[in-house]
PDB file of all heavy atoms in Angstrom:
ATOM      1  N   GLU A   1     -48.145  14.970  39.983  1.00  0.00           N
ATOM      2  CA  GLU A   1     -47.372  16.202  39.899  1.00  0.00           C
ATOM      3  C   GLU A   1     -47.685  16.871  38.569  1.00  0.00           C
ATOM      4  O   GLU A   1     -47.439  16.302  37.503  1.00  0.00           O
ATOM      5  CB  GLU A   1     -45.875  15.941  40.008  1.00  0.00           C
ATOM      6  CG  GLU A   1     -45.061  17.230  39.966  1.00  0.00           C
ATOM      7  CD  GLU A   1     -43.585  17.014  40.221  1.00  0.00           C
ATOM      8  OE1 GLU A   1     -43.244  16.137  41.036  1.00  0.00           O
ATOM      9  OE2 GLU A   1     -42.776  17.737  39.609  1.00  0.00           O
ATOM     10  N   LEU A   2     -48.230  18.074  38.627  1.00  0.00           N
ATOM     11  CA  LEU A   2     -48.593  18.814  37.428  1.00  0.00           C
ATOM     12  C   LEU A   2     -47.462  19.755  37.040  1.00  0.00           C
ATOM     13  O   LEU A   2     -46.740  20.261  37.901  1.00  0.00           O
ATOM     14  CB  LEU A   2     -49.873  19.627  37.666  1.00  0.00           C
ATOM     15  CG  LEU A   2     -51.069  18.898  38.285  1.00  0.00           C
ATOM     16  CD1 LEU A   2     -52.246  19.841  38.426  1.00  0.00           C
ATOM     17  CD2 LEU A   2     -51.456  17.689  37.463  1.00  0.00           C
ATOM     18  N   VAL A   3     -47.317  19.988  35.740  1.00  0.00           N
ATOM     19  CA  VAL A   3     -46.330  20.957  35.263  1.00  0.00           C
ATOM     20  C   VAL A   3     -47.065  22.058  34.508  1.00  0.00           C
ATOM     21  O   VAL A   3     -48.140  21.841  33.950  1.00  0.00           O
ATOM     22  CB  VAL A   3     -45.279  20.301  34.344  1.00  0.00           C
ATOM     23  CG1 VAL A   3     -44.511  19.237  35.084  1.00  0.00           C
ATOM     24  CG2 VAL A   3     -45.926  19.717  33.090  1.00  0.00           C
ATOM     25  N   ARG A   4     -46.491  23.202  34.516  1.00  0.00           N
ATOM     26  CA  ARG A   4     -47.105  24.356  33.865  1.00  0.00           C
ATOM     27  C   ARG A   4     -47.130  24.158  32.357  1.00  0.00           C
ATOM     28  O   ARG A   4     -46.124  23.798  31.750  1.00  0.00           O
ATOM     29  CB  ARG A   4     -46.334  25.624  34.218  1.00  0.00           C
ATOM     30  CG  ARG A   4     -46.960  26.904  33.693  1.00  0.00           C
ATOM     31  CD  ARG A   4     -46.194  28.100  34.197  1.00  0.00           C
ATOM     32  NE  ARG A   4     -46.692  29.332  33.618  1.00  0.00           N
ATOM     33  CZ  ARG A   4     -46.220  30.540  33.907  1.00  0.00           C
ATOM     34  NH1 ARG A   4     -45.229  30.646  34.777  1.00  0.00           N
ATOM     35  NH2 ARG A   4     -46.723  31.620  33.348  1.00  0.00           N
ATOM     36  N   ALA A   5     -48.293  24.387  31.750  1.00  0.00           N
ATOM     37  CA  ALA A   5     -48.428  24.249  30.297  1.00  0.00           C
ATOM     38  C   ALA A   5     -47.648  25.359  29.609  1.00  0.00           C
ATOM     39  O   ALA A   5     -47.503  26.460  30.147  1.00  0.00           O
ATOM     40  CB  ALA A   5     -49.896  24.303  29.892  1.00  0.00           C
ATOM     41  N   GLY A   6     -47.171  25.050  28.409  1.00  0.00           N
ATOM     42  CA  GLY A   6     -46.322  26.001  27.699  1.00  0.00           C
ATOM     43  C   GLY A   6     -46.983  27.329  27.434  1.00  0.00           C
ATOM     44  O   GLY A   6     -46.327  28.356  27.350  1.00  0.00           O
ATOM     45  N   ASN A   7     -48.306  27.343  27.282  1.00  0.00           N
ATOM     46  CA  ASN A   7     -49.007  28.580  26.961  1.00  0.00           C
ATOM     47  C   ASN A   7     -49.853  29.081  28.135  1.00  0.00           C
ATOM     48  O   ASN A   7     -50.723  29.911  27.977  1.00  0.00           O
ATOM     49  CB  ASN A   7     -49.923  28.352  25.768  1.00  0.00           C
ATOM     50  CG  ASN A   7     -50.935  27.268  26.065  1.00  0.00           C
ATOM     51  OD1 ASN A   7     -50.571  26.202  26.522  1.00  0.00           O
ATOM     52  ND2 ASN A   7     -52.207  27.527  25.816  1.00  0.00           N
ATOM     53  N   SER A   8     -49.610  28.550  29.335  1.00  0.00           N
ATOM     54  CA  SER A   8     -50.473  28.886  30.463  1.00  0.00           C
ATOM     55  C   SER A   8     -50.352  30.356  30.847  1.00  0.00           C
ATOM     56  O   SER A   8     -49.300  30.977  30.677  1.00  0.00           O
ATOM     57  CB  SER A   8     -50.133  28.017  31.677  1.00  0.00           C
ATOM     58  OG  SER A   8     -48.813  28.229  32.085  1.00  0.00           O
ATOM     59  N   PHE A   9     -51.458  30.909  31.364  1.00  0.00           N
ATOM     60  CA  PHE A   9     -51.562  32.305  31.754  1.00  0.00           C
ATOM     61  C   PHE A   9     -51.297  33.225  30.569  1.00  0.00           C
ATOM     62  O   PHE A   9     -50.921  34.374  30.726  1.00  0.00           O
ATOM     63  CB  PHE A   9     -50.598  32.632  32.909  1.00  0.00           C
ATOM     64  CG  PHE A   9     -50.825  31.780  34.111  1.00  0.00           C
ATOM     65  CD1 PHE A   9     -50.065  30.637  34.323  1.00  0.00           C
ATOM     66  CD2 PHE A   9     -51.811  32.096  35.021  1.00  0.00           C
ATOM     67  CE1 PHE A   9     -50.291  29.824  35.434  1.00  0.00           C
ATOM     68  CE2 PHE A   9     -52.039  31.295  36.133  1.00  0.00           C
ATOM     69  CZ  PHE A   9     -51.280  30.159  36.337  1.00  0.00           C
ATOM     70  N   GLY A  10     -51.535  32.686  29.362  1.00  0.00           N
ATOM     71  CA  GLY A  10     -51.389  33.486  28.154  1.00  0.00           C
ATOM     72  C   GLY A  10     -52.600  33.288  27.267  1.00  0.00           C
ATOM     73  O   GLY A  10     -53.724  33.351  27.723  1.00  0.00           O
ATOM     74  N   THR A  11     -52.371  33.012  25.987  1.00  0.00           N
ATOM     75  CA  THR A  11     -53.472  32.817  25.047  1.00  0.00           C
ATOM     76  C   THR A  11     -54.269  31.583  25.421  1.00  0.00           C
ATOM     77  O   THR A  11     -53.712  30.536  25.723  1.00  0.00           O
ATOM     78  CB  THR A  11     -52.912  32.645  23.615  1.00  0.00           C
ATOM     79  OG1 THR A  11     -52.111  33.783  23.309  1.00  0.00           O
ATOM     80  CG2 THR A  11     -54.035  32.533  22.613  1.00  0.00           C
ATOM     81  N   ALA A  12     -55.580  31.692  25.382  1.00  0.00           N
ATOM     82  CA  ALA A  12     -56.440  30.580  25.782  1.00  0.00           C
ATOM     83  C   ALA A  12     -56.250  29.383  24.883  1.00  0.00           C
ATOM     84  O   ALA A  12     -56.061  29.508  23.684  1.00  0.00           O
ATOM     85  CB  ALA A  12     -57.900  31.015  25.759  1.00  0.00           C
ATOM     86  N   ALA A  13     -56.274  28.202  25.482  1.00  0.00           N
ATOM     87  CA  ALA A  13     -56.154  26.959  24.722  1.00  0.00           C
ATOM     88  C   ALA A  13     -57.295  26.047  25.105  1.00  0.00           C
ATOM     89  O   ALA A  13     -57.679  25.972  26.258  1.00  0.00           O
ATOM     90  CB  ALA A  13     -54.816  26.279  25.027  1.00  0.00           C
ATOM     91  N   SER A  14     -57.844  25.352  24.131  1.00  0.00           N
ATOM     92  CA  SER A  14     -58.913  24.404  24.425  1.00  0.00           C
ATOM     93  C   SER A  14     -58.487  22.983  24.096  1.00  0.00           C
ATOM     94  O   SER A  14     -59.081  22.034  24.588  1.00  0.00           O
ATOM     95  CB  SER A  14     -60.186  24.773  23.658  1.00  0.00           C
ATOM     96  OG  SER A  14     -59.927  24.878  22.274  1.00  0.00           O
ATOM     97  N   ALA A  15     -57.500  22.806  23.235  1.00  0.00           N
ATOM     98  CA  ALA A  15     -57.000  21.475  22.905  1.00  0.00           C
ATOM     99  C   ALA A  15     -55.848  21.117  23.836  1.00  0.00           C
ATOM    100  O   ALA A  15     -55.144  21.993  24.343  1.00  0.00           O
ATOM    101  CB  ALA A  15     -56.540  21.422  21.455  1.00  0.00           C
ATOM    102  N   GLU A  16     -55.656  19.832  24.060  1.00  0.00           N
ATOM    103  CA  GLU A  16     -54.555  19.355  24.881  1.00  0.00           C
ATOM    104  C   GLU A  16     -53.478  18.766  23.990  1.00  0.00           C
ATOM    105  O   GLU A  16     -53.764  18.178  22.949  1.00  0.00           O
ATOM    106  CB  GLU A  16     -55.039  18.311  25.875  1.00  0.00           C
ATOM    107  CG  GLU A  16     -55.997  18.875  26.917  1.00  0.00           C
ATOM    108  CD  GLU A  16     -56.341  17.844  27.968  1.00  0.00           C
ATOM    109  OE1 GLU A  16     -55.484  16.996  28.279  1.00  0.00           O
ATOM    110  OE2 GLU A  16     -57.466  17.887  28.472  1.00  0.00           O
ATOM    111  N   LEU A  17     -52.237  18.891  24.432  1.00  0.00           N
ATOM    112  CA  LEU A  17     -51.120  18.408  23.627  1.00  0.00           C
ATOM    113  C   LEU A  17     -51.173  16.896  23.460  1.00  0.00           C
ATOM    114  O   LEU A  17     -51.035  16.373  22.349  1.00  0.00           O
ATOM    115  CB  LEU A  17     -49.798  18.830  24.267  1.00  0.00           C
ATOM    116  CG  LEU A  17     -48.527  18.340  23.564  1.00  0.00           C
ATOM    117  CD1 LEU A  17     -48.428  18.931  22.163  1.00  0.00           C
ATOM    118  CD2 LEU A  17     -47.294  18.687  24.387  1.00  0.00           C
ATOM    119  N   GLU A  18     -51.378  16.184  24.572  1.00  0.00           N
ATOM    120  CA  GLU A  18     -51.370  14.726  24.537  1.00  0.00           C
ATOM    121  C   GLU A  18     -52.774  14.169  24.312  1.00  0.00           C
ATOM    122  O   GLU A  18     -53.776  14.817  24.592  1.00  0.00           O
ATOM    123  CB  GLU A  18     -50.773  14.178  25.824  1.00  0.00           C
ATOM    124  CG  GLU A  18     -49.319  14.581  26.019  1.00  0.00           C
ATOM    125  CD  GLU A  18     -48.782  14.205  27.386  1.00  0.00           C
ATOM    126  OE1 GLU A  18     -49.357  14.658  28.390  1.00  0.00           O
ATOM    127  OE2 GLU A  18     -47.784  13.470  27.439  1.00  0.00           O
ATOM    128  N   ASN A  19     -52.806  12.943  23.784  1.00  0.00           N
ATOM    129  CA  ASN A  19     -54.071  12.255  23.525  1.00  0.00           C
ATOM    130  C   ASN A  19     -54.967  13.018  22.562  1.00  0.00           C
ATOM    131  O   ASN A  19     -56.191  12.963  22.660  1.00  0.00           O
ATOM    132  CB  ASN A  19     -54.834  11.980  24.821  1.00  0.00           C
ATOM    133  CG  ASN A  19     -54.271  10.805  25.574  1.00  0.00           C
ATOM    134  OD1 ASN A  19     -53.857   9.815  24.969  1.00  0.00           O
ATOM    135  ND2 ASN A  19     -54.219  10.905  26.880  1.00  0.00           N
ATOM    136  N   THR A  20     -54.374  13.756  21.662  1.00  0.00           N
ATOM    137  CA  THR A  20     -55.116  14.478  20.625  1.00  0.00           C
ATOM    138  C   THR A  20     -54.526  14.119  19.265  1.00  0.00           C
ATOM    139  O   THR A  20     -53.319  13.987  19.125  1.00  0.00           O
ATOM    140  CB  THR A  20     -55.039  15.998  20.852  1.00  0.00           C
ATOM    141  OG1 THR A  20     -55.653  16.322  22.094  1.00  0.00           O
ATOM    142  CG2 THR A  20     -55.747  16.762  19.748  1.00  0.00           C
ATOM    143  N   TYR A  21     -55.398  13.943  18.294  1.00  0.00           N
ATOM    144  CA  TYR A  21     -54.983  13.676  16.916  1.00  0.00           C
ATOM    145  C   TYR A  21     -54.628  15.022  16.289  1.00  0.00           C
ATOM    146  O   TYR A  21     -55.503  15.855  16.039  1.00  0.00           O
ATOM    147  CB  TYR A  21     -56.132  13.004  16.180  1.00  0.00           C
ATOM    148  CG  TYR A  21     -55.896  12.624  14.733  1.00  0.00           C
ATOM    149  CD1 TYR A  21     -55.762  11.284  14.365  1.00  0.00           C
ATOM    150  CD2 TYR A  21     -55.872  13.578  13.724  1.00  0.00           C
ATOM    151  CE1 TYR A  21     -55.597  10.918  13.035  1.00  0.00           C
ATOM    152  CE2 TYR A  21     -55.695  13.227  12.396  1.00  0.00           C
ATOM    153  CZ  TYR A  21     -55.560  11.893  12.058  1.00  0.00           C
ATOM    154  OH  TYR A  21     -55.397  11.536  10.733  1.00  0.00           O
ATOM    155  N   TRP A  22     -53.329  15.251  16.030  1.00  0.00           N
ATOM    156  CA  TRP A  22     -52.873  16.522  15.476  1.00  0.00           C
ATOM    157  C   TRP A  22     -52.637  16.384  13.970  1.00  0.00           C
ATOM    158  O   TRP A  22     -51.704  15.706  13.537  1.00  0.00           O
ATOM    159  CB  TRP A  22     -51.594  16.985  16.169  1.00  0.00           C
ATOM    160  CG  TRP A  22     -51.800  17.432  17.575  1.00  0.00           C
ATOM    161  CD1 TRP A  22     -51.425  16.791  18.717  1.00  0.00           C
ATOM    162  CD2 TRP A  22     -52.465  18.633  17.993  1.00  0.00           C
ATOM    163  NE1 TRP A  22     -51.804  17.517  19.824  1.00  0.00           N
ATOM    164  CE2 TRP A  22     -52.444  18.650  19.408  1.00  0.00           C
ATOM    165  CE3 TRP A  22     -53.067  19.699  17.311  1.00  0.00           C
ATOM    166  CZ2 TRP A  22     -53.006  19.696  20.137  1.00  0.00           C
ATOM    167  CZ3 TRP A  22     -53.627  20.735  18.045  1.00  0.00           C
ATOM    168  CH2 TRP A  22     -53.593  20.729  19.434  1.00  0.00           C
ATOM    169  N   LYS A  23     -53.475  17.029  13.190  1.00  0.00           N
ATOM    170  CA  LYS A  23     -53.369  16.997  11.737  1.00  0.00           C
ATOM    171  C   LYS A  23     -52.417  18.093  11.259  1.00  0.00           C
ATOM    172  O   LYS A  23     -52.554  19.257  11.632  1.00  0.00           O
ATOM    173  CB  LYS A  23     -54.738  17.198  11.103  1.00  0.00           C
ATOM    174  CG  LYS A  23     -54.711  17.265   9.578  1.00  0.00           C
ATOM    175  CD  LYS A  23     -56.097  17.550   9.021  1.00  0.00           C
ATOM    176  CE  LYS A  23     -56.050  17.697   7.504  1.00  0.00           C
ATOM    177  NZ  LYS A  23     -57.394  17.998   6.949  1.00  0.00           N
ATOM    178  N   LEU A  24     -51.456  17.722  10.429  1.00  0.00           N
ATOM    179  CA  LEU A  24     -50.489  18.680   9.904  1.00  0.00           C
ATOM    180  C   LEU A  24     -51.175  19.626   8.916  1.00  0.00           C
ATOM    181  O   LEU A  24     -51.793  19.186   7.948  1.00  0.00           O
ATOM    182  CB  LEU A  24     -49.345  17.940   9.204  1.00  0.00           C
ATOM    183  CG  LEU A  24     -48.242  18.811   8.592  1.00  0.00           C
ATOM    184  CD1 LEU A  24     -47.499  19.595   9.674  1.00  0.00           C
ATOM    185  CD2 LEU A  24     -47.269  17.939   7.785  1.00  0.00           C
ATOM    186  N   MET A  25     -51.046  20.944   9.173  1.00  0.00           N
ATOM    187  CA  MET A  25     -51.679  21.948   8.313  1.00  0.00           C
ATOM    188  C   MET A  25     -50.662  22.710   7.461  1.00  0.00           C
ATOM    189  O   MET A  25     -50.956  23.096   6.330  1.00  0.00           O
ATOM    190  CB  MET A  25     -52.472  22.939   9.169  1.00  0.00           C
ATOM    191  CG  MET A  25     -53.535  22.292  10.048  1.00  0.00           C
ATOM    192  SD  MET A  25     -54.756  21.320   9.107  1.00  0.00           S
ATOM    193  CE  MET A  25     -55.538  22.613   8.145  1.00  0.00           C
ATOM    194  N   SER A  26     -49.478  22.931   8.032  1.00  0.00           N
ATOM    195  CA  SER A  26     -48.461  23.644   7.262  1.00  0.00           C
ATOM    196  C   SER A  26     -47.077  23.293   7.767  1.00  0.00           C
ATOM    197  O   SER A  26     -46.886  22.978   8.948  1.00  0.00           O
ATOM    198  CB  SER A  26     -48.674  25.166   7.349  1.00  0.00           C
ATOM    199  OG  SER A  26     -48.524  25.622   8.680  1.00  0.00           O
ATOM    200  N   LEU A  27     -46.121  23.349   6.872  1.00  0.00           N
ATOM    201  CA  LEU A  27     -44.709  23.164   7.176  1.00  0.00           C
ATOM    202  C   LEU A  27     -44.030  24.491   6.915  1.00  0.00           C
ATOM    203  O   LEU A  27     -43.906  24.914   5.770  1.00  0.00           O
ATOM    204  CB  LEU A  27     -44.101  22.060   6.302  1.00  0.00           C
ATOM    205  CG  LEU A  27     -44.565  20.637   6.633  1.00  0.00           C
ATOM    206  CD1 LEU A  27     -44.265  19.694   5.479  1.00  0.00           C
ATOM    207  CD2 LEU A  27     -43.901  20.151   7.919  1.00  0.00           C
ATOM    208  N   GLY A  28     -43.641  25.188   7.996  1.00  0.00           N
ATOM    209  CA  GLY A  28     -43.181  26.559   7.822  1.00  0.00           C
ATOM    210  C   GLY A  28     -44.346  27.397   7.315  1.00  0.00           C
ATOM    211  O   GLY A  28     -45.390  27.466   7.945  1.00  0.00           O
ATOM    212  N   GLU A  29     -44.189  27.991   6.140  1.00  0.00           N
ATOM    213  CA  GLU A  29     -45.267  28.780   5.538  1.00  0.00           C
ATOM    214  C   GLU A  29     -45.933  28.043   4.383  1.00  0.00           C
ATOM    215  O   GLU A  29     -46.784  28.607   3.691  1.00  0.00           O
ATOM    216  CB  GLU A  29     -44.706  30.121   5.050  1.00  0.00           C
ATOM    217  CG  GLU A  29     -44.159  30.997   6.177  1.00  0.00           C
ATOM    218  CD  GLU A  29     -43.681  32.333   5.686  1.00  0.00           C
ATOM    219  OE1 GLU A  29     -43.707  32.553   4.451  1.00  0.00           O
ATOM    220  OE2 GLU A  29     -43.273  33.167   6.522  1.00  0.00           O
TER     221      GLU A  29
END
């Protein structure tokens, strides 16, 4: 069962939320 991605049918995304190493770049500004 698939669920709609949070940004689907909007801005293009190439990375996936899960199984990706997410490096913190900023906290707020």
